[in-house]
Structure formats: C-alpha cells, structure tokens
Amino acid sequence: MLLKILKSKIHRATVTEAQLDYTGSIAIASDLMKAVGILPYESVLVADLNSGNRVETYAVPAQAGSGDVVVMGAAAKLIKPQHKVIILSFALMTPTQAKKFKPKVIVLGKNNKIIKRG
C-alpha cells in the first residue's frame, strides 16, 4: 500500500501576477522551488487563502530571486494577484517511508522572501 504524503509546502506566497492566456501552470521563483524540492513540471495543489479555491496544476520555474508567483491559464480566473496562497506537493510512500519522512516547508513574508523554514 502507498500513502499520499505532503512532500513540499510554500506557505503564504503572494500571487504577483495572473495570466489567463497561457496554457496553464504556476510559475514560482526557482529559488523557492529549490528550497522545498519542487521540480519543474511537478504537480502542485494551490490553495487560495482569500477565496478558498483550490487548483491542481504544475510548477514551472520563474527567475531566481524575483519572488514571482504567477498563476497562469484557467486558474487565473480563480486566483488573483495579491491573493495569499499555499502551494503543496505530495509524494507516494510506503507506510515505513512515510514514518521517517519530513516535508520541506517554507513560510514567506513580504515580497515572497523566506521568513521561516520548517
């Protein structure tokens, strides 16, 4: 049996831009992706703290250090600039692996700078 376990979490990111006319994804500053181990094109769940909407999409890297969190495609109708979001990724693990695993978590502050790691 495999369990779906939280692998990575970017908490309280501020959406910097929304682009409706795009094939779909979320661009995240590559340094933030690296900090939590999210790979390019990895599936992510985006939870909007302002509206309560949840969207599944995939992550693409934006320029390192830019603080960019850009919602693209249909999700841009649900998640708007300046909204606070939580970006989550998951991994499948055996119960034995899951007991030993600790997810990588960062909390962001102003300009999407990391203020806490946990």
Protein backbone atom coordinates (compact mmCIF):
# COMPACT_ATOMS: atom_id res chain seq x y z
CA MET A 1 0.00 0.00 0.00
CA LEU A 2 1.16 3.54 -0.79
CA LEU A 3 0.15 6.67 1.10
CA LYS A 4 -0.06 10.18 -0.35
CA ILE A 5 2.16 12.30 1.94
CA LEU A 6 2.93 16.03 1.95
CA LYS A 7 6.37 16.46 0.34
CA SER A 8 6.69 20.25 -0.03
CA LYS A 9 4.86 23.35 1.16
CA ILE A 10 5.25 27.04 0.30
CA HIS A 11 3.07 28.82 2.86
CA ARG A 12 1.54 32.30 2.41
CA ALA A 13 3.02 33.13 -1.00
CA THR A 14 1.63 36.31 -2.54
CA VAL A 15 0.47 35.93 -6.14
CA THR A 16 2.37 38.54 -8.16
CA GLU A 17 0.53 38.14 -11.47
CA ALA A 18 -2.26 36.20 -13.18
CA GLN A 19 -2.14 35.43 -16.91
CA LEU A 20 -5.32 33.98 -18.37
CA ASP A 21 -3.99 33.50 -21.92
CA TYR A 22 -1.49 30.77 -21.17
CA THR A 23 -1.70 27.01 -21.50
CA GLY A 24 -1.77 26.60 -17.73
CA SER A 25 0.60 26.27 -14.78
CA ILE A 26 2.03 28.30 -11.92
CA ALA A 27 5.42 29.98 -12.28
CA ILE A 28 7.34 30.07 -9.00
CA ALA A 29 10.70 31.75 -8.42
CA SER A 30 13.18 28.91 -8.87
CA ASP A 31 14.94 29.58 -5.56
CA LEU A 32 11.63 29.00 -3.74
CA MET A 33 11.05 25.78 -5.69
CA LYS A 34 14.56 24.62 -4.83
CA ALA A 35 14.09 25.44 -1.13
CA VAL A 36 11.23 22.93 -0.86
CA GLY A 37 12.29 20.46 -3.55
CA ILE A 38 9.59 21.15 -6.13
CA LEU A 39 10.85 20.18 -9.58
CA PRO A 40 9.93 21.79 -12.91
CA TYR A 41 6.62 20.38 -14.21
CA GLU A 42 5.83 18.71 -10.88
CA SER A 43 2.16 18.55 -9.98
CA VAL A 44 1.13 21.02 -7.26
CA LEU A 45 -2.05 21.92 -5.42
CA VAL A 46 -2.60 25.66 -4.96
CA ALA A 47 -4.92 26.70 -2.14
CA ASP A 48 -6.10 30.34 -2.24
CA LEU A 49 -6.41 31.76 1.28
CA ASN A 50 -8.52 34.70 0.04
CA SER A 51 -11.20 32.81 -1.90
CA GLY A 52 -10.90 29.25 -0.65
CA ASN A 53 -10.40 27.98 -4.22
CA ARG A 54 -8.09 25.01 -4.76
CA VAL A 55 -6.47 24.33 -8.11
CA GLU A 56 -4.25 21.48 -9.24
CA THR A 57 -1.66 22.44 -11.84
CA TYR A 58 2.09 22.07 -12.41
CA ALA A 59 5.03 24.25 -11.40
CA VAL A 60 7.39 25.95 -13.81
CA PRO A 61 10.44 27.92 -12.68
CA ALA A 62 10.49 31.71 -12.75
CA GLN A 63 13.63 33.80 -12.32
CA ALA A 64 15.51 33.05 -9.10
CA GLY A 65 15.26 35.84 -6.54
CA SER A 66 12.36 37.52 -8.33
CA GLY A 67 9.73 36.49 -5.80
CA ASP A 68 7.44 35.71 -8.73
CA VAL A 69 4.38 33.55 -8.16
CA VAL A 70 2.41 33.77 -11.41
CA VAL A 71 -0.88 31.91 -11.84
CA MET A 72 -1.49 31.04 -15.49
CA GLY A 73 -4.28 29.61 -17.60
CA ALA A 74 -7.77 28.84 -16.31
CA ALA A 75 -6.60 29.15 -12.69
CA ALA A 76 -6.18 32.90 -13.33
CA LYS A 77 -9.99 33.15 -13.22
CA LEU A 78 -9.97 31.80 -9.66
CA ILE A 79 -6.74 33.11 -8.12
CA LYS A 80 -5.91 36.82 -8.44
CA PRO A 81 -2.82 39.00 -7.92
CA GLN A 82 -2.16 39.87 -4.28
CA HIS A 83 -4.03 36.77 -3.07
CA LYS A 84 -2.19 34.68 -0.49
CA VAL A 85 -1.76 31.04 -1.47
CA ILE A 86 -0.36 27.80 -0.14
CA ILE A 87 1.47 25.67 -2.71
CA LEU A 88 1.63 21.96 -1.88
CA SER A 89 3.20 18.92 -3.49
CA PHE A 90 2.78 15.31 -2.47
CA ALA A 91 4.65 12.02 -2.85
CA LEU A 92 3.57 8.40 -2.70
CA MET A 93 5.33 6.42 0.01
CA THR A 94 5.06 3.16 1.85
CA PRO A 95 3.95 3.46 5.48
CA THR A 96 7.55 2.72 6.55
CA GLN A 97 8.93 5.52 4.35
CA ALA A 98 6.20 7.91 5.49
CA LYS A 99 7.04 7.41 9.17
CA LYS A 100 10.61 8.60 8.54
CA PHE A 101 9.81 11.39 6.08
CA LYS A 102 9.71 15.09 6.97
CA PRO A 103 8.28 17.53 4.39
CA LYS A 104 10.19 20.64 3.37
CA VAL A 105 8.22 23.74 4.38
CA ILE A 106 8.89 27.45 3.97
CA VAL A 107 6.83 30.42 5.10
CA LEU A 108 7.02 33.57 3.01
CA GLY A 109 6.78 37.19 4.08
CA LYS A 110 6.94 40.50 2.22
CA ASN A 111 8.00 40.22 -1.45
CA ASN A 112 7.82 36.42 -1.16
CA LYS A 113 11.04 36.23 0.86
CA ILE A 114 11.56 33.21 3.08
CA ILE A 115 10.98 34.13 6.73
CA LYS A 116 10.83 30.64 8.21
CA ARG A 117 11.89 27.11 7.33
CA GLY A 118 10.41 24.11 9.00
